[in-house]
Every structure is written in structure tokens, then in C-alpha cells.
N, C-alpha and C. Protein backbone atom coordinates (compact mmCIF):
# COMPACT_ATOMS: atom_id res chain seq x y z
N MET A 1 67.31 159.43 105.74
CA MET A 1 66.92 160.82 105.53
C MET A 1 67.11 161.57 106.84
N ALA A 2 67.82 162.67 106.81
CA ALA A 2 68.07 163.47 108.00
C ALA A 2 66.83 164.26 108.38
N ARG A 3 66.61 164.35 109.66
CA ARG A 3 65.46 165.11 110.16
C ARG A 3 65.82 166.60 110.22
N LEU A 4 64.88 167.44 109.80
CA LEU A 4 65.09 168.89 109.84
C LEU A 4 64.83 169.42 111.25
N PRO A 5 65.55 170.47 111.66
CA PRO A 5 65.19 171.15 112.90
C PRO A 5 63.77 171.72 112.76
N VAL A 6 63.06 171.84 113.89
CA VAL A 6 61.69 172.35 113.89
C VAL A 6 61.64 173.70 114.59
N MET A 7 60.99 174.65 113.97
CA MET A 7 60.70 175.95 114.58
C MET A 7 59.18 176.07 114.63
N ALA A 8 58.63 176.14 115.84
CA ALA A 8 57.17 176.21 115.98
C ALA A 8 56.79 177.40 116.84
N GLY A 9 55.66 177.98 116.53
CA GLY A 9 55.15 179.11 117.30
C GLY A 9 53.69 178.92 117.66
N ASN A 10 53.37 179.03 118.94
CA ASN A 10 52.00 178.95 119.44
C ASN A 10 51.58 180.38 119.78
N TRP A 11 50.55 180.87 119.15
CA TRP A 11 50.16 182.27 119.30
C TRP A 11 49.30 182.54 120.53
N LYS A 12 49.00 181.49 121.28
CA LYS A 12 48.08 181.61 122.42
C LYS A 12 46.79 182.26 121.91
N MET A 13 46.22 183.19 122.65
CA MET A 13 45.00 183.86 122.21
C MET A 13 45.30 185.30 121.77
N ASN A 14 46.45 185.49 121.14
CA ASN A 14 46.85 186.81 120.67
C ASN A 14 46.48 186.99 119.21
N THR A 15 46.21 188.18 118.81
CA THR A 15 45.81 188.65 117.48
C THR A 15 44.34 188.36 117.19
N THR A 16 43.81 189.18 116.32
CA THR A 16 42.46 188.94 115.78
C THR A 16 42.63 188.01 114.57
N PRO A 17 41.56 187.44 114.04
CA PRO A 17 41.71 186.61 112.84
C PRO A 17 42.37 187.35 111.67
N ASN A 18 42.01 188.60 111.44
CA ASN A 18 42.64 189.36 110.36
C ASN A 18 44.11 189.63 110.63
N GLU A 19 44.46 189.96 111.88
CA GLU A 19 45.86 190.17 112.24
C GLU A 19 46.66 188.87 112.09
N GLY A 20 46.04 187.77 112.47
CA GLY A 20 46.68 186.47 112.33
C GLY A 20 46.94 186.11 110.88
N ALA A 21 45.98 186.40 110.01
CA ALA A 21 46.15 186.13 108.59
C ALA A 21 47.29 186.97 108.02
N LYS A 22 47.37 188.22 108.42
CA LYS A 22 48.45 189.10 107.96
C LYS A 22 49.80 188.59 108.48
N LEU A 23 49.85 188.20 109.74
CA LEU A 23 51.08 187.67 110.31
C LEU A 23 51.54 186.41 109.56
N ALA A 24 50.61 185.54 109.24
CA ALA A 24 50.94 184.32 108.51
C ALA A 24 51.47 184.64 107.11
N LEU A 25 50.85 185.58 106.43
CA LEU A 25 51.31 185.98 105.11
C LEU A 25 52.70 186.60 105.18
N ASP A 26 52.92 187.45 106.17
CA ASP A 26 54.25 188.06 106.36
C ASP A 26 55.30 186.99 106.60
N LEU A 27 54.97 186.01 107.43
CA LEU A 27 55.90 184.91 107.72
C LEU A 27 56.18 184.11 106.45
N LYS A 28 55.15 183.81 105.70
CA LYS A 28 55.31 183.09 104.44
C LYS A 28 56.26 183.83 103.50
N ASN A 29 56.07 185.13 103.38
CA ASN A 29 56.92 185.93 102.49
C ASN A 29 58.36 185.99 102.99
N ARG A 30 58.54 186.12 104.30
CA ARG A 30 59.90 186.20 104.85
C ARG A 30 60.65 184.88 104.74
N LEU A 31 59.93 183.77 104.77
CA LEU A 31 60.57 182.46 104.70
C LEU A 31 60.83 182.00 103.28
N SER A 32 60.32 182.72 102.31
CA SER A 32 60.51 182.35 100.92
C SER A 32 62.01 182.25 100.62
N GLY A 33 62.43 181.10 100.12
CA GLY A 33 63.84 180.91 99.78
C GLY A 33 64.69 180.35 100.90
N HIS A 34 64.17 180.30 102.12
CA HIS A 34 64.91 179.73 103.24
C HIS A 34 64.56 178.26 103.37
N GLU A 35 65.55 177.44 103.48
CA GLU A 35 65.35 176.00 103.60
C GLU A 35 66.08 175.51 104.86
N GLY A 36 65.91 174.25 105.17
CA GLY A 36 66.68 173.65 106.25
C GLY A 36 66.02 173.64 107.61
N VAL A 37 64.76 174.07 107.69
CA VAL A 37 64.04 174.04 108.96
C VAL A 37 62.55 173.81 108.67
N GLU A 38 61.91 173.00 109.50
CA GLU A 38 60.48 172.78 109.40
C GLU A 38 59.78 173.85 110.23
N VAL A 39 58.83 174.55 109.64
CA VAL A 39 58.14 175.65 110.32
C VAL A 39 56.69 175.26 110.58
N ILE A 40 56.26 175.41 111.83
CA ILE A 40 54.89 175.09 112.24
C ILE A 40 54.33 176.28 113.00
N ILE A 41 53.12 176.70 112.67
CA ILE A 41 52.45 177.77 113.43
C ILE A 41 51.14 177.23 114.00
N ALA A 42 50.82 177.68 115.20
CA ALA A 42 49.60 177.24 115.89
C ALA A 42 48.82 178.46 116.36
N PRO A 43 48.03 179.04 115.47
CA PRO A 43 47.21 180.20 115.85
C PRO A 43 45.99 179.74 116.64
N PRO A 44 45.22 180.68 117.19
CA PRO A 44 43.97 180.31 117.86
C PRO A 44 43.01 179.62 116.89
N LEU A 45 42.13 178.82 117.44
CA LEU A 45 41.14 178.07 116.66
C LEU A 45 40.36 178.98 115.70
N THR A 46 40.02 180.17 116.16
CA THR A 46 39.22 181.09 115.34
C THR A 46 39.98 181.61 114.12
N HIS A 47 41.29 181.37 114.06
CA HIS A 47 42.13 181.87 112.97
C HIS A 47 42.46 180.80 111.93
N LEU A 48 42.18 179.53 112.22
CA LEU A 48 42.69 178.44 111.40
C LEU A 48 42.33 178.57 109.92
N SER A 49 41.11 178.91 109.61
CA SER A 49 40.69 179.00 108.21
C SER A 49 41.45 180.10 107.47
N GLN A 50 41.46 181.31 108.03
CA GLN A 50 42.12 182.44 107.37
C GLN A 50 43.63 182.22 107.27
N VAL A 51 44.23 181.74 108.34
CA VAL A 51 45.68 181.50 108.34
C VAL A 51 46.01 180.39 107.34
N GLY A 52 45.20 179.34 107.32
CA GLY A 52 45.41 178.26 106.37
C GLY A 52 45.40 178.73 104.93
N GLU A 53 44.50 179.64 104.62
CA GLU A 53 44.45 180.20 103.27
C GLU A 53 45.74 180.94 102.93
N GLN A 54 46.26 181.69 103.90
CA GLN A 54 47.45 182.50 103.65
C GLN A 54 48.71 181.65 103.45
N ILE A 55 48.77 180.51 104.13
CA ILE A 55 50.00 179.70 104.02
C ILE A 55 49.86 178.54 103.04
N SER A 56 48.70 178.46 102.37
CA SER A 56 48.56 177.40 101.37
C SER A 56 49.67 177.57 100.33
N GLU A 57 50.07 176.47 99.77
CA GLU A 57 51.15 176.45 98.77
C GLU A 57 52.47 176.96 99.33
N SER A 58 52.65 176.82 100.64
CA SER A 58 53.94 177.13 101.26
C SER A 58 54.37 175.90 102.05
N ARG A 59 55.56 175.91 102.58
CA ARG A 59 56.03 174.77 103.37
C ARG A 59 55.70 174.91 104.85
N ILE A 60 55.03 176.00 105.23
CA ILE A 60 54.62 176.20 106.63
C ILE A 60 53.49 175.24 106.95
N LYS A 61 53.61 174.57 108.08
CA LYS A 61 52.58 173.64 108.53
C LYS A 61 51.69 174.33 109.56
N LEU A 62 50.43 173.95 109.55
CA LEU A 62 49.43 174.55 110.43
C LEU A 62 49.07 173.56 111.53
N ALA A 63 49.08 174.01 112.77
CA ALA A 63 48.70 173.20 113.92
C ALA A 63 47.62 173.94 114.70
N SER A 64 46.98 173.23 115.60
CA SER A 64 45.99 173.88 116.46
C SER A 64 46.49 173.80 117.90
N GLN A 65 45.78 174.43 118.79
CA GLN A 65 46.16 174.47 120.19
C GLN A 65 44.94 174.26 121.06
N ASN A 66 45.17 174.05 122.32
CA ASN A 66 44.07 173.90 123.27
C ASN A 66 43.23 175.16 123.34
N MET A 67 42.02 175.05 123.78
CA MET A 67 41.15 176.20 123.97
C MET A 67 41.47 176.88 125.29
N SER A 68 41.13 178.15 125.40
CA SER A 68 41.38 178.91 126.62
C SER A 68 40.17 179.77 126.93
N ASP A 69 39.95 180.04 128.20
CA ASP A 69 38.86 180.91 128.58
C ASP A 69 39.30 182.37 128.70
N LYS A 70 40.55 182.65 128.34
CA LYS A 70 41.11 184.01 128.41
C LYS A 70 40.78 184.78 127.14
N ASP A 71 40.61 186.08 127.27
CA ASP A 71 40.33 186.93 126.11
C ASP A 71 41.58 187.15 125.27
N SER A 72 42.77 187.15 125.93
CA SER A 72 44.01 187.45 125.24
C SER A 72 45.17 186.85 126.03
N GLY A 73 46.24 186.55 125.32
CA GLY A 73 47.46 186.08 125.98
C GLY A 73 47.42 184.62 126.38
N ALA A 74 48.40 184.27 127.23
CA ALA A 74 48.55 182.86 127.65
C ALA A 74 47.46 182.43 128.58
């Protein structure tokens, strides 16, 4: 079985939980019908539940990231 290329995005501490959920839904909709790549998103810890709900029943995989003491950004 051939391995698919991987496209992953780490959001650092950017977006609010609601913005993250919207971004995940937008990504899910844009990827509909596209095959041939494994997609992984890693939003902030505070977004995991909402983002997970938005990408359920899609091929997007959800990952987590390290914690940060910053309010925003890397």
C-alpha cells in the first residue's frame, strides 16, 4: 500500500475556539472531493472539542500540540 503525502498545520495559539471551529469547517468543506493527501490539523488545546465536532465524519485528522505561555502566536 502506497503511503499518502501528509499536509499538516499547527495553529500555535492563534484563533479563538469559535474562530478555530469555523476554520476547521471551512477546511472540511474545501477539501470535500479532494483525495491523495492525508490532512492533519493541530489547533490549540482549548479548541480540540469544537474543532473535533466540525471535522467529524471527514478524513481530516486531529492532533494536539504543546502548551504555551503566550497569549497568541508562536
